[in-house]
Structures are given as C-alpha cells and as structure tokens.
Amino acid sequence: MNLKGERVASDMIKEISSILLTEIKDEDLKNVTITYATVTNDLSFAKVYFTTLDDYKKEKVIKDMNNASSFFRSELAKRLNIRHIPEIKFIYDESIEYGKKIEDIIEKINGED
C-alpha cells in the first residue's frame, strides 16, 4: 500500500467508526469496532476489518456490514476529500479471537506448573 493508500485507509477507519457511533440505527452494529483497513494502490477497493462484542451474532453482523457498504460509501463520499470512494468489503477480524485463544493456552500451561 502506498502513502496515499495508507492515508485513505486511516481516514476510512476513523470515519466508518464515527458513522457507526452516530448514524447507524441497527443495535447489532453499535458494538462493531473497526480494527484495520487496506486499500489497493489505485484506491478502487478497500478491505475493512472489524470485530464485534456480540460473538454469537458474528455471522449476522458480517452480513449486515457488507449489506450496508453502499451506505458507508455514500457517507464517506461526504466526509473524505477524494475523487473516488473505494468499493468496500467488510471482513471479520479473527486476530483478536486468535490472540485470546493463545492467551488461554499459555495460562493453562502456566497453571499446570
């Protein structure tokens, strides 16, 4: 990712987080946290990674976030000063869950000593 792509990704994280806090009516999406974003060099496509506190609703939240991607794009068009807003694909960020599992394993191993 080039410098402009990194700036756009950073701006997208900030603005999508703000949209989630202020604009979204769906209660399931209120617990979503944007963790990371990548944008292609030509700024045509973005992957936006997120987590949710409601683990049991993960599949619904993934579906809802992707269904709302055109809404997010239209809101970003109002907020970001770029000519073309990238297509957005929302992806559930497994890294936090993975880190928690590793932490639990380490605690279990240390507890056996």
C-alpha atoms as a PDB file:
ATOM      1  CA  MET A   1       0.000   0.000   0.000  1.00  0.00           C
ATOM      2  CA  ASN A   2       1.396   3.392  -0.957  1.00  0.00           C
ATOM      3  CA  LEU A   3       1.358   6.512   1.213  1.00  0.00           C
ATOM      4  CA  LYS A   4      -1.894   7.831  -0.242  1.00  0.00           C
ATOM      5  CA  GLY A   5      -3.493   4.392   0.228  1.00  0.00           C
ATOM      6  CA  GLU A   6      -2.375   4.332   3.852  1.00  0.00           C
ATOM      7  CA  ARG A   7      -3.821   7.807   4.437  1.00  0.00           C
ATOM      8  CA  VAL A   8      -7.125   6.859   2.797  1.00  0.00           C
ATOM      9  CA  ALA A   9      -7.262   3.616   4.839  1.00  0.00           C
ATOM     10  CA  SER A  10      -6.595   5.555   8.047  1.00  0.00           C
ATOM     11  CA  ASP A  11      -9.254   8.140   7.173  1.00  0.00           C
ATOM     12  CA  MET A  12     -11.724   5.366   6.346  1.00  0.00           C
ATOM     13  CA  ILE A  13     -11.160   3.692   9.744  1.00  0.00           C
ATOM     14  CA  LYS A  14     -11.782   6.993  11.528  1.00  0.00           C
ATOM     15  CA  GLU A  15     -14.864   7.949   9.505  1.00  0.00           C
ATOM     16  CA  ILE A  16     -16.507   4.491   9.462  1.00  0.00           C
ATOM     17  CA  SER A  17     -16.044   4.327  13.248  1.00  0.00           C
ATOM     18  CA  SER A  18     -17.696   7.726  13.534  1.00  0.00           C
ATOM     19  CA  ILE A  19     -20.566   6.651  11.252  1.00  0.00           C
ATOM     20  CA  LEU A  20     -21.099   3.533  13.384  1.00  0.00           C
ATOM     21  CA  LEU A  21     -21.324   5.695  16.508  1.00  0.00           C
ATOM     22  CA  THR A  22     -23.562   8.436  15.172  1.00  0.00           C
ATOM     23  CA  GLU A  23     -25.526   7.305  12.102  1.00  0.00           C
ATOM     24  CA  ILE A  24     -26.282   3.586  12.408  1.00  0.00           C
ATOM     25  CA  LYS A  25     -29.654   2.641  13.857  1.00  0.00           C
ATOM     26  CA  ASP A  26     -29.109  -1.159  13.947  1.00  0.00           C
ATOM     27  CA  GLU A  27     -28.251  -2.065  17.560  1.00  0.00           C
ATOM     28  CA  ASP A  28     -26.211  -5.100  16.425  1.00  0.00           C
ATOM     29  CA  LEU A  29     -23.845  -2.768  14.578  1.00  0.00           C
ATOM     30  CA  LYS A  30     -23.411  -0.428  17.557  1.00  0.00           C
ATOM     31  CA  ASN A  31     -20.936  -2.928  19.078  1.00  0.00           C
ATOM     32  CA  VAL A  32     -18.730  -3.072  15.975  1.00  0.00           C
ATOM     33  CA  THR A  33     -15.143  -1.846  16.230  1.00  0.00           C
ATOM     34  CA  ILE A  34     -13.119  -1.145  13.097  1.00  0.00           C
ATOM     35  CA  THR A  35      -9.640  -2.574  13.634  1.00  0.00           C
ATOM     36  CA  TYR A  36      -7.773  -2.206  10.329  1.00  0.00           C
ATOM     37  CA  ALA A  37      -8.192  -1.294   6.673  1.00  0.00           C
ATOM     38  CA  THR A  38      -6.252  -1.820   3.473  1.00  0.00           C
ATOM     39  CA  VAL A  39      -6.756  -0.006   0.182  1.00  0.00           C
ATOM     40  CA  THR A  40      -5.438  -1.053  -3.232  1.00  0.00           C
ATOM     41  CA  ASN A  41      -2.837   1.228  -4.849  1.00  0.00           C
ATOM     42  CA  ASP A  42      -5.379   2.565  -7.349  1.00  0.00           C
ATOM     43  CA  LEU A  43      -7.827   3.284  -4.472  1.00  0.00           C
ATOM     44  CA  SER A  44     -10.560   1.225  -6.161  1.00  0.00           C
ATOM     45  CA  PHE A  45     -11.048  -1.406  -3.456  1.00  0.00           C
ATOM     46  CA  ALA A  46     -10.811  -1.476   0.339  1.00  0.00           C
ATOM     47  CA  LYS A  47     -10.884  -4.288   2.864  1.00  0.00           C
ATOM     48  CA  VAL A  48     -12.123  -3.066   6.233  1.00  0.00           C
ATOM     49  CA  TYR A  49     -11.547  -5.390   9.195  1.00  0.00           C
ATOM     50  CA  PHE A  50     -13.770  -5.277  12.267  1.00  0.00           C
ATOM     51  CA  THR A  51     -14.684  -7.092  15.472  1.00  0.00           C
ATOM     52  CA  THR A  52     -17.880  -7.177  17.481  1.00  0.00           C
ATOM     53  CA  LEU A  53     -18.615  -7.707  21.147  1.00  0.00           C
ATOM     54  CA  ASP A  54     -21.612  -9.866  20.221  1.00  0.00           C
ATOM     55  CA  ASP A  55     -19.780 -13.048  19.224  1.00  0.00           C
ATOM     56  CA  TYR A  56     -22.968 -15.055  18.928  1.00  0.00           C
ATOM     57  CA  LYS A  57     -24.245 -12.612  16.266  1.00  0.00           C
ATOM     58  CA  LYS A  58     -20.995 -12.585  14.269  1.00  0.00           C
ATOM     59  CA  GLU A  59     -22.445 -14.030  11.034  1.00  0.00           C
ATOM     60  CA  LYS A  60     -25.402 -11.608  11.091  1.00  0.00           C
ATOM     61  CA  VAL A  61     -23.093  -8.656  11.734  1.00  0.00           C
ATOM     62  CA  ILE A  62     -20.765  -9.660   8.863  1.00  0.00           C
ATOM     63  CA  LYS A  63     -23.773  -9.868   6.529  1.00  0.00           C
ATOM     64  CA  ASP A  64     -25.261  -6.577   7.782  1.00  0.00           C
ATOM     65  CA  MET A  65     -21.959  -4.694   7.483  1.00  0.00           C
ATOM     66  CA  ASN A  66     -21.485  -5.832   3.886  1.00  0.00           C
ATOM     67  CA  ASN A  67     -25.126  -5.071   3.049  1.00  0.00           C
ATOM     68  CA  ALA A  68     -24.547  -1.548   4.365  1.00  0.00           C
ATOM     69  CA  SER A  69     -21.357  -0.985   2.351  1.00  0.00           C
ATOM     70  CA  SER A  70     -23.119   1.306  -0.169  1.00  0.00           C
ATOM     71  CA  PHE A  71     -24.436   3.384   2.752  1.00  0.00           C
ATOM     72  CA  PHE A  72     -20.895   3.634   4.157  1.00  0.00           C
ATOM     73  CA  ARG A  73     -19.560   4.613   0.716  1.00  0.00           C
ATOM     74  CA  SER A  74     -22.126   7.394   0.329  1.00  0.00           C
ATOM     75  CA  GLU A  75     -21.340   8.702   3.820  1.00  0.00           C
ATOM     76  CA  LEU A  76     -17.590   8.525   3.118  1.00  0.00           C
ATOM     77  CA  ALA A  77     -18.120  10.472  -0.115  1.00  0.00           C
ATOM     78  CA  LYS A  78     -19.488  13.356   2.000  1.00  0.00           C
ATOM     79  CA  ARG A  79     -16.637  13.174   4.526  1.00  0.00           C
ATOM     80  CA  LEU A  80     -13.459  12.288   2.607  1.00  0.00           C
ATOM     81  CA  ASN A  81     -11.807  14.633   0.173  1.00  0.00           C
ATOM     82  CA  ILE A  82     -11.041  12.082  -2.544  1.00  0.00           C
ATOM     83  CA  ARG A  83     -12.434  11.779  -6.048  1.00  0.00           C
ATOM     84  CA  HIS A  84     -13.467   8.123  -5.925  1.00  0.00           C
ATOM     85  CA  ILE A  85     -14.558   6.192  -2.828  1.00  0.00           C
ATOM     86  CA  PRO A  86     -13.260   2.585  -2.954  1.00  0.00           C
ATOM     87  CA  GLU A  87     -15.582  -0.408  -3.082  1.00  0.00           C
ATOM     88  CA  ILE A  88     -15.710  -1.746   0.488  1.00  0.00           C
ATOM     89  CA  LYS A  89     -15.562  -5.358   1.662  1.00  0.00           C
ATOM     90  CA  PHE A  90     -16.023  -5.834   5.398  1.00  0.00           C
ATOM     91  CA  ILE A  91     -14.095  -8.738   6.916  1.00  0.00           C
ATOM     92  CA  TYR A  92     -14.383 -10.070  10.449  1.00  0.00           C
ATOM     93  CA  ASP A  93     -11.001  -9.707  12.185  1.00  0.00           C
ATOM     94  CA  GLU A  94     -10.096 -13.105  13.638  1.00  0.00           C
ATOM     95  CA  SER A  95      -6.783 -11.901  15.130  1.00  0.00           C
ATOM     96  CA  ILE A  96      -8.275 -10.810  18.465  1.00  0.00           C
ATOM     97  CA  GLU A  97     -10.050 -14.159  18.917  1.00  0.00           C
ATOM     98  CA  TYR A  98      -6.833 -15.944  17.923  1.00  0.00           C
ATOM     99  CA  GLY A  99      -4.820 -13.905  20.440  1.00  0.00           C
ATOM    100  CA  LYS A 100      -7.337 -14.742  23.178  1.00  0.00           C
ATOM    101  CA  LYS A 101      -7.067 -18.472  22.402  1.00  0.00           C
ATOM    102  CA  ILE A 102      -3.251 -18.285  22.567  1.00  0.00           C
ATOM    103  CA  GLU A 103      -3.511 -16.385  25.867  1.00  0.00           C
ATOM    104  CA  ASP A 104      -5.837 -19.056  27.285  1.00  0.00           C
ATOM    105  CA  ILE A 105      -3.448 -21.841  26.218  1.00  0.00           C
ATOM    106  CA  ILE A 106      -0.494 -20.058  27.844  1.00  0.00           C
ATOM    107  CA  GLU A 107      -2.474 -19.559  31.065  1.00  0.00           C
ATOM    108  CA  LYS A 108      -3.462 -23.225  31.042  1.00  0.00           C
ATOM    109  CA  ILE A 109       0.165 -24.321  30.554  1.00  0.00           C
ATOM    110  CA  ASN A 110       1.389 -21.968  33.296  1.00  0.00           C
ATOM    111  CA  GLY A 111      -1.366 -23.154  35.611  1.00  0.00           C
ATOM    112  CA  GLU A 112      -0.170 -26.777  35.314  1.00  0.00           C
ATOM    113  CA  ASP A 113       3.288 -25.973  36.742  1.00  0.00           C
END
